[in-house]
Amino acid sequence: MRIVSLVPSLTETLDDWGHPPIAGTRFCALAGLARVGGTKDPDLAAIAALEPDLVVLDEEENRREDYEALVGLGLAVYACAVRSLGDLDDALAGLAAAVGVEWSSPPRPARPPVRVRVAVPIWRRPWVALGGPTYATSLLAAVGVANVLADRGAYPRVDLAAMAEARPDVVLAPSEPYPFAERHRRELETVAPVVLVDGRDLFWWGSRTPGATARLGEAVARWAAIATRA
């Protein structure tokens, strides 16, 4: 199939499934991929010119107006809406059926007890944090990590003082969407001890999810130890 993916995590997933897209966004990591703009500003004319069999979007990553424009151009569009691990199973089952891949959701153990409480900033100037319901918060819960801002909406504007008031044990500072790095540690430590994490493991859902779950699960003991020493 000729697939255009406007979702970086699904570009990765489709490639892992043996169906690499013919085009994707500038944020997609697949080498040699033709680029058709970004997730929020795709080049609709370029997509249509490729005559794809399917265009893949996500409710959170992409804009409704682009979805409607692509449908209006007569293109077949598959749109996901993933806010939890359960949503992910439904989304991947539908995508697998659309591209002719056999896929079934992996078994998942019961949710473990909470071992550490975290705050997760995802943007700076203005400060924005991970909330809920979101895939990343659901993923963290599946490995025994509670997001202290999960009850404030999906992506609340919460400054560092408000994060500190929520009393997290640790701040998880992801490498995307904002590229938090070592240079931000001192600022974030006004909230709680800081751990830098791979943003793709938190936010890229799909074929990455099983490995990300394992990696995050292995890290929880280290995070809990950091919190205990603080």
Protein backbone atom coordinates (compact mmCIF):
# COMPACT_ATOMS: atom_id res chain seq x y z
CA MET A 1 0.00 0.00 0.00
CA ARG A 2 0.99 3.61 -0.58
CA ILE A 3 0.66 5.12 2.89
CA VAL A 4 1.30 8.67 4.04
CA SER A 5 1.76 8.98 7.80
CA LEU A 6 1.32 12.28 9.61
CA VAL A 7 2.03 10.63 12.98
CA PRO A 8 5.71 9.94 13.84
CA SER A 9 4.91 7.02 16.15
CA LEU A 10 2.75 5.38 13.47
CA THR A 11 5.46 5.90 10.87
CA GLU A 12 7.70 3.86 13.17
CA THR A 13 4.95 1.29 13.73
CA LEU A 14 4.14 0.85 10.05
CA ASP A 15 7.82 0.39 9.24
CA ASP A 16 8.12 -2.22 11.99
CA TRP A 17 5.10 -3.97 10.48
CA GLY A 18 6.80 -4.13 7.10
CA HIS A 19 4.66 -1.39 5.55
CA PRO A 20 6.90 1.71 5.57
CA PRO A 21 5.04 4.85 4.49
CA ILE A 22 6.01 6.54 1.24
CA ALA A 23 5.91 9.94 2.97
CA GLY A 24 5.68 11.43 6.44
CA THR A 25 6.29 14.56 8.47
CA ARG A 26 9.59 16.27 9.19
CA PHE A 27 9.33 14.81 12.71
CA CYS A 28 9.22 11.19 11.52
CA ALA A 29 12.48 9.35 12.19
CA LEU A 30 12.41 6.93 9.24
CA ALA A 31 15.42 7.50 6.98
CA GLY A 32 14.81 8.22 3.31
CA LEU A 33 11.19 9.19 3.85
CA ALA A 34 9.69 11.87 1.61
CA ARG A 35 8.54 14.81 3.75
CA VAL A 36 5.15 16.50 3.43
CA GLY A 37 5.37 19.19 6.09
CA GLY A 38 4.74 18.93 9.81
CA THR A 39 2.07 17.39 11.99
CA LYS A 40 0.24 20.72 12.31
CA ASP A 41 1.02 22.12 8.85
CA PRO A 42 1.05 19.29 6.29
CA ASP A 43 1.34 20.06 2.60
CA LEU A 44 -2.06 18.81 1.48
CA ALA A 45 -1.38 19.33 -2.22
CA ALA A 46 1.84 17.31 -1.97
CA ILE A 47 0.00 14.52 -0.18
CA ALA A 48 -2.72 14.40 -2.82
CA ALA A 49 -0.12 14.38 -5.60
CA LEU A 50 1.36 11.19 -4.16
CA GLU A 51 -2.00 9.43 -4.73
CA PRO A 52 -1.81 7.46 -1.48
CA ASP A 53 -4.03 4.50 -0.72
CA LEU A 54 -4.25 5.65 2.90
CA VAL A 55 -3.34 8.69 4.99
CA VAL A 56 -2.84 8.09 8.71
CA LEU A 57 -3.57 10.80 11.29
CA ASP A 58 -4.11 11.16 15.02
CA GLU A 59 -6.65 13.33 16.79
CA GLU A 60 -4.03 14.81 19.12
CA GLU A 61 -1.09 15.12 16.73
CA ASN A 62 -2.99 16.55 13.77
CA ARG A 63 -5.64 19.18 13.09
CA ARG A 64 -9.28 18.43 12.34
CA GLU A 65 -9.27 20.89 9.42
CA ASP A 66 -6.49 18.92 7.74
CA TYR A 67 -8.41 15.68 8.27
CA GLU A 68 -11.50 17.23 6.72
CA ALA A 69 -9.51 18.66 3.80
CA LEU A 70 -7.93 15.29 3.03
CA VAL A 71 -11.32 13.59 3.13
CA GLY A 72 -12.65 16.35 0.89
CA LEU A 73 -9.90 15.55 -1.61
CA GLY A 74 -11.29 12.03 -1.85
CA LEU A 75 -8.44 10.37 0.04
CA ALA A 76 -8.88 7.41 2.36
CA VAL A 77 -7.98 8.53 5.89
CA TYR A 78 -7.51 6.52 9.06
CA ALA A 79 -7.62 8.68 12.20
CA CYS A 80 -6.62 7.45 15.66
CA ALA A 81 -7.62 8.85 19.04
CA VAL A 82 -5.29 7.47 21.71
CA ARG A 83 -5.61 8.66 25.31
CA SER A 84 -4.84 5.38 27.08
CA LEU A 85 -3.35 1.95 26.57
CA GLY A 86 -6.88 0.66 25.95
CA ASP A 87 -7.39 3.23 23.20
CA LEU A 88 -4.07 2.14 21.70
CA ASP A 89 -5.25 -1.44 21.35
CA ASP A 90 -8.34 -0.31 19.45
CA ALA A 91 -6.37 2.08 17.25
CA LEU A 92 -3.73 -0.46 16.28
CA ALA A 93 -6.32 -3.15 15.63
CA GLY A 94 -8.09 -0.82 13.20
CA LEU A 95 -4.87 0.25 11.51
CA ALA A 96 -3.69 -3.34 11.16
CA ALA A 97 -6.97 -4.25 9.48
CA ALA A 98 -6.67 -1.24 7.16
CA VAL A 99 -3.19 -2.22 5.95
CA GLY A 100 -3.68 -6.00 5.99
CA VAL A 101 -1.49 -6.88 8.96
CA GLU A 102 -2.30 -9.52 11.55
CA TRP A 103 -2.01 -7.94 14.97
CA SER A 104 -3.37 -8.63 18.43
CA SER A 105 -2.98 -6.65 21.62
CA PRO A 106 -0.27 -7.96 23.96
CA PRO A 107 -1.29 -9.29 27.37
CA ARG A 108 -0.73 -6.72 30.10
CA PRO A 109 -0.32 -7.50 33.80
CA ALA A 110 -2.52 -5.91 36.42
CA ARG A 111 -1.60 -2.34 37.32
CA PRO A 112 1.03 -2.38 40.08
CA PRO A 113 0.82 -0.25 43.21
CA VAL A 114 2.20 3.27 43.00
CA ARG A 115 5.93 3.37 43.73
CA VAL A 116 6.71 6.98 42.83
CA ARG A 117 4.79 10.20 42.12
CA VAL A 118 5.96 12.42 39.28
CA ALA A 119 5.39 15.68 37.49
CA VAL A 120 6.19 15.79 33.77
CA PRO A 121 6.78 19.18 32.15
CA ILE A 122 6.38 19.02 28.38
CA TRP A 123 6.88 22.67 27.41
CA ARG A 124 8.58 25.79 28.68
CA ARG A 125 7.63 29.45 28.15
CA PRO A 126 4.83 28.94 28.89
CA TRP A 127 5.13 25.97 31.19
CA VAL A 128 2.87 23.09 30.18
CA ALA A 129 2.72 19.73 31.91
CA LEU A 130 1.48 16.25 31.17
CA GLY A 131 -1.97 15.68 32.63
CA GLY A 132 -4.80 13.29 31.91
CA PRO A 133 -6.43 11.51 30.33
CA THR A 134 -3.39 10.90 28.14
CA TYR A 135 -1.52 7.91 26.76
CA ALA A 136 1.66 8.83 28.64
CA THR A 137 -0.12 9.08 32.00
CA SER A 138 -1.78 5.72 31.31
CA LEU A 139 1.59 4.19 30.40
CA LEU A 140 3.22 5.51 33.57
CA ALA A 141 0.37 4.13 35.69
CA ALA A 142 0.95 0.72 34.11
CA VAL A 143 4.46 0.65 35.61
CA GLY A 144 3.54 1.99 39.05
CA VAL A 145 4.08 5.71 38.48
CA ALA A 146 1.41 8.27 39.43
CA ASN A 147 1.20 11.60 37.62
CA VAL A 148 0.40 14.20 40.29
CA LEU A 149 -1.19 16.45 37.65
CA ALA A 150 -3.41 13.81 36.06
CA ASP A 151 -6.60 15.47 37.29
CA ARG A 152 -5.96 18.88 35.68
CA GLY A 153 -6.82 18.16 32.07
CA ALA A 154 -4.73 16.62 29.34
CA TYR A 155 -2.02 19.29 29.05
CA PRO A 156 -2.47 21.93 31.74
CA ARG A 157 -0.55 25.19 31.91
CA VAL A 158 1.14 24.76 35.28
CA ASP A 159 4.18 26.78 36.34
CA LEU A 160 6.99 25.37 38.43
CA ALA A 161 5.53 26.70 41.69
CA ALA A 162 2.25 24.91 41.04
CA MET A 163 4.11 21.72 40.13
CA ALA A 164 5.97 21.92 43.43
CA GLU A 165 2.70 22.41 45.32
CA ALA A 166 1.50 19.07 43.90
CA ARG A 167 4.42 17.44 45.79
CA PRO A 168 5.86 15.03 43.22
CA ASP A 169 8.71 12.77 44.32
CA VAL A 170 10.52 13.27 41.02
CA VAL A 171 10.32 15.45 37.93
CA LEU A 172 10.53 13.46 34.71
CA ALA A 173 12.03 15.78 32.09
CA PRO A 174 11.44 14.31 28.61
CA SER A 175 13.53 14.98 25.51
CA GLU A 176 10.40 15.94 23.56
CA PRO A 177 8.18 17.71 22.66
CA TYR A 178 10.31 20.32 24.43
CA PRO A 179 13.97 19.22 24.43
CA PHE A 180 14.65 19.23 28.16
CA ALA A 181 18.30 18.51 28.87
CA GLU A 182 20.97 18.77 31.53
CA ARG A 183 21.00 22.58 31.22
CA HIS A 184 17.45 22.69 32.61
CA ARG A 185 18.16 20.56 35.66
CA ARG A 186 18.78 23.39 38.16
CA GLU A 187 15.57 25.15 37.19
CA LEU A 188 13.46 22.00 37.45
CA GLU A 189 15.05 20.98 40.74
CA THR A 190 13.05 23.77 42.39
CA VAL A 191 10.17 21.30 42.05
CA ALA A 192 11.79 17.93 42.90
CA PRO A 193 14.80 15.80 41.96
CA VAL A 194 15.07 15.54 38.17
CA VAL A 195 15.37 12.53 35.89
CA LEU A 196 15.92 13.01 32.16
CA VAL A 197 13.92 10.53 30.06
CA ASP A 198 13.50 9.66 26.38
CA GLY A 199 10.37 11.51 25.27
CA ARG A 200 9.71 8.94 22.57
CA ASP A 201 9.27 6.22 25.18
CA LEU A 202 6.68 8.38 26.92
CA PHE A 203 4.78 9.74 23.94
CA TRP A 204 5.39 7.54 20.87
CA TRP A 205 2.75 4.85 21.04
CA GLY A 206 2.46 1.82 18.77
CA SER A 207 5.07 -0.83 18.14
CA ARG A 208 7.34 1.05 20.57
CA THR A 209 4.94 0.55 23.49
CA PRO A 210 6.06 -2.91 24.72
CA GLY A 211 9.73 -1.94 24.77
CA ALA A 212 8.97 1.46 26.29
CA THR A 213 6.90 -0.20 29.01
CA ALA A 214 9.80 -2.49 29.85
CA ARG A 215 12.36 0.32 29.88
CA LEU A 216 10.21 2.60 32.01
CA GLY A 217 9.34 -0.25 34.34
CA GLU A 218 13.02 -1.02 34.87
CA ALA A 219 13.68 2.64 35.68
CA VAL A 220 11.01 2.98 38.37
CA ALA A 221 13.19 1.51 41.11
CA ARG A 222 15.91 4.05 40.31
CA TRP A 223 13.40 6.89 40.40
CA ALA A 224 12.05 5.71 43.73
CA ALA A 225 15.58 5.55 45.12
CA ILE A 226 16.28 9.10 43.96
CA ALA A 227 13.10 10.27 45.70
CA THR A 228 14.11 8.48 48.91
CA ARG A 229 17.54 10.15 48.95
CA ALA A 230 16.09 13.64 48.39
